[in-house]
């Protein structure tokens, strides 16, 4: 839980933090956040941390938003 909060706070800092979240070894930090267990997307105490973190990761960053859309899409590719 603390890692999610840290990522959210770091992501809101700026473009350099956004780049770090989407780069590095696969899966990236952003991809790992998107692939958390379903409970993180459905349990209110967990969504209250995860959703703002994901929004902070994508705010003002089109590439991160596209990654998020692709990773959490319900459509089969």
C-alpha atoms as a PDB file:
ATOM      1  CA  UNK A   1       0.000   0.000   0.000  1.00  0.00           C
ATOM      2  CA  UNK A   2       2.841   2.390   0.810  1.00  0.00           C
ATOM      3  CA  UNK A   3       4.391   1.724  -2.601  1.00  0.00           C
ATOM      4  CA  UNK A   4       1.159   2.777  -4.311  1.00  0.00           C
ATOM      5  CA  UNK A   5       1.038   6.002  -2.333  1.00  0.00           C
ATOM      6  CA  UNK A   6       4.701   6.681  -3.082  1.00  0.00           C
ATOM      7  CA  UNK A   7       4.133   6.124  -6.818  1.00  0.00           C
ATOM      8  CA  UNK A   8       1.163   8.468  -6.801  1.00  0.00           C
ATOM      9  CA  UNK A   9       3.058  11.196  -4.994  1.00  0.00           C
ATOM     10  CA  UNK A  10       6.119  10.772  -7.208  1.00  0.00           C
ATOM     11  CA  UNK A  11       4.045  10.792 -10.394  1.00  0.00           C
ATOM     12  CA  UNK A  12       2.432  14.075  -9.568  1.00  0.00           C
ATOM     13  CA  UNK A  13       5.858  15.733  -9.502  1.00  0.00           C
ATOM     14  CA  UNK A  14       6.385  15.988 -13.253  1.00  0.00           C
ATOM     15  CA  UNK A  15       7.462  14.637 -16.602  1.00  0.00           C
ATOM     16  CA  UNK A  16      10.667  13.023 -15.383  1.00  0.00           C
ATOM     17  CA  UNK A  17       8.698  10.914 -12.895  1.00  0.00           C
ATOM     18  CA  UNK A  18       6.240   9.977 -15.660  1.00  0.00           C
ATOM     19  CA  UNK A  19       9.129   8.759 -17.808  1.00  0.00           C
ATOM     20  CA  UNK A  20      10.528   6.629 -14.986  1.00  0.00           C
ATOM     21  CA  UNK A  21       7.145   4.968 -14.407  1.00  0.00           C
ATOM     22  CA  UNK A  22       6.837   3.902 -18.044  1.00  0.00           C
ATOM     23  CA  UNK A  23      10.440   2.854 -18.662  1.00  0.00           C
ATOM     24  CA  UNK A  24      12.818   0.229 -17.395  1.00  0.00           C
ATOM     25  CA  UNK A  25      12.621  -3.508 -17.334  1.00  0.00           C
ATOM     26  CA  UNK A  26       9.386  -5.153 -18.395  1.00  0.00           C
ATOM     27  CA  UNK A  27       6.912  -5.108 -16.889  1.00  0.00           C
ATOM     28  CA  UNK A  28       7.298  -1.420 -16.091  1.00  0.00           C
ATOM     29  CA  UNK A  29       6.044   0.108 -12.871  1.00  0.00           C
ATOM     30  CA  UNK A  30       2.917   1.332 -14.665  1.00  0.00           C
ATOM     31  CA  UNK A  31       2.266  -2.117 -16.138  1.00  0.00           C
ATOM     32  CA  UNK A  32       2.716  -3.681 -12.698  1.00  0.00           C
ATOM     33  CA  UNK A  33       0.196  -1.264 -11.205  1.00  0.00           C
ATOM     34  CA  UNK A  34      -2.271  -2.194 -13.950  1.00  0.00           C
ATOM     35  CA  UNK A  35      -1.824  -5.905 -13.303  1.00  0.00           C
ATOM     36  CA  UNK A  36      -2.504  -5.843  -9.572  1.00  0.00           C
ATOM     37  CA  UNK A  37      -5.049  -8.416  -8.370  1.00  0.00           C
ATOM     38  CA  UNK A  38      -8.717  -7.628  -9.073  1.00  0.00           C
ATOM     39  CA  UNK A  39      -9.251  -6.791  -5.411  1.00  0.00           C
ATOM     40  CA  UNK A  40      -7.285  -3.550  -5.911  1.00  0.00           C
ATOM     41  CA  UNK A  41      -9.812  -2.495  -8.560  1.00  0.00           C
ATOM     42  CA  UNK A  42     -12.910  -3.541  -6.620  1.00  0.00           C
ATOM     43  CA  UNK A  43     -12.326  -3.053  -2.880  1.00  0.00           C
ATOM     44  CA  UNK A  44     -12.995   0.575  -1.816  1.00  0.00           C
ATOM     45  CA  UNK A  45     -10.088   0.846   0.653  1.00  0.00           C
ATOM     46  CA  UNK A  46      -7.686  -0.304  -2.081  1.00  0.00           C
ATOM     47  CA  UNK A  47      -9.274   1.649  -4.944  1.00  0.00           C
ATOM     48  CA  UNK A  48      -9.010   4.825  -2.870  1.00  0.00           C
ATOM     49  CA  UNK A  49      -5.229   4.409  -3.133  1.00  0.00           C
ATOM     50  CA  UNK A  50      -4.843   2.760  -6.555  1.00  0.00           C
ATOM     51  CA  UNK A  51      -7.108   5.012  -8.635  1.00  0.00           C
ATOM     52  CA  UNK A  52      -5.530   8.327  -7.595  1.00  0.00           C
ATOM     53  CA  UNK A  53      -2.113   6.741  -8.154  1.00  0.00           C
ATOM     54  CA  UNK A  54      -3.048   5.683 -11.695  1.00  0.00           C
ATOM     55  CA  UNK A  55      -4.514   9.116 -12.403  1.00  0.00           C
ATOM     56  CA  UNK A  56      -1.356  10.809 -11.139  1.00  0.00           C
ATOM     57  CA  UNK A  57       0.750   8.545 -13.359  1.00  0.00           C
ATOM     58  CA  UNK A  58      -1.248   9.567 -16.422  1.00  0.00           C
ATOM     59  CA  UNK A  59      -2.049  13.208 -15.748  1.00  0.00           C
ATOM     60  CA  UNK A  60      -0.637  15.278 -18.574  1.00  0.00           C
ATOM     61  CA  UNK A  61       1.116  12.288 -20.149  1.00  0.00           C
ATOM     62  CA  UNK A  62      -0.533  10.861 -23.247  1.00  0.00           C
ATOM     63  CA  UNK A  63       1.819   7.890 -23.537  1.00  0.00           C
ATOM     64  CA  UNK A  64       1.152   6.743 -19.974  1.00  0.00           C
ATOM     65  CA  UNK A  65      -2.571   7.145 -20.570  1.00  0.00           C
ATOM     66  CA  UNK A  66      -2.353   4.915 -23.650  1.00  0.00           C
ATOM     67  CA  UNK A  67      -0.415   2.312 -21.669  1.00  0.00           C
ATOM     68  CA  UNK A  68      -3.062   2.395 -18.940  1.00  0.00           C
ATOM     69  CA  UNK A  69      -5.886   2.076 -21.483  1.00  0.00           C
ATOM     70  CA  UNK A  70      -4.165  -0.862 -23.159  1.00  0.00           C
ATOM     71  CA  UNK A  71      -3.273  -2.665 -19.930  1.00  0.00           C
ATOM     72  CA  UNK A  72      -6.684  -2.434 -18.262  1.00  0.00           C
ATOM     73  CA  UNK A  73      -8.790  -2.895 -21.399  1.00  0.00           C
ATOM     74  CA  UNK A  74     -11.461  -5.531 -21.116  1.00  0.00           C
ATOM     75  CA  UNK A  75     -11.188  -6.226 -24.849  1.00  0.00           C
ATOM     76  CA  UNK A  76      -9.186  -9.192 -26.052  1.00  0.00           C
ATOM     77  CA  UNK A  77      -6.485  -8.158 -28.498  1.00  0.00           C
END
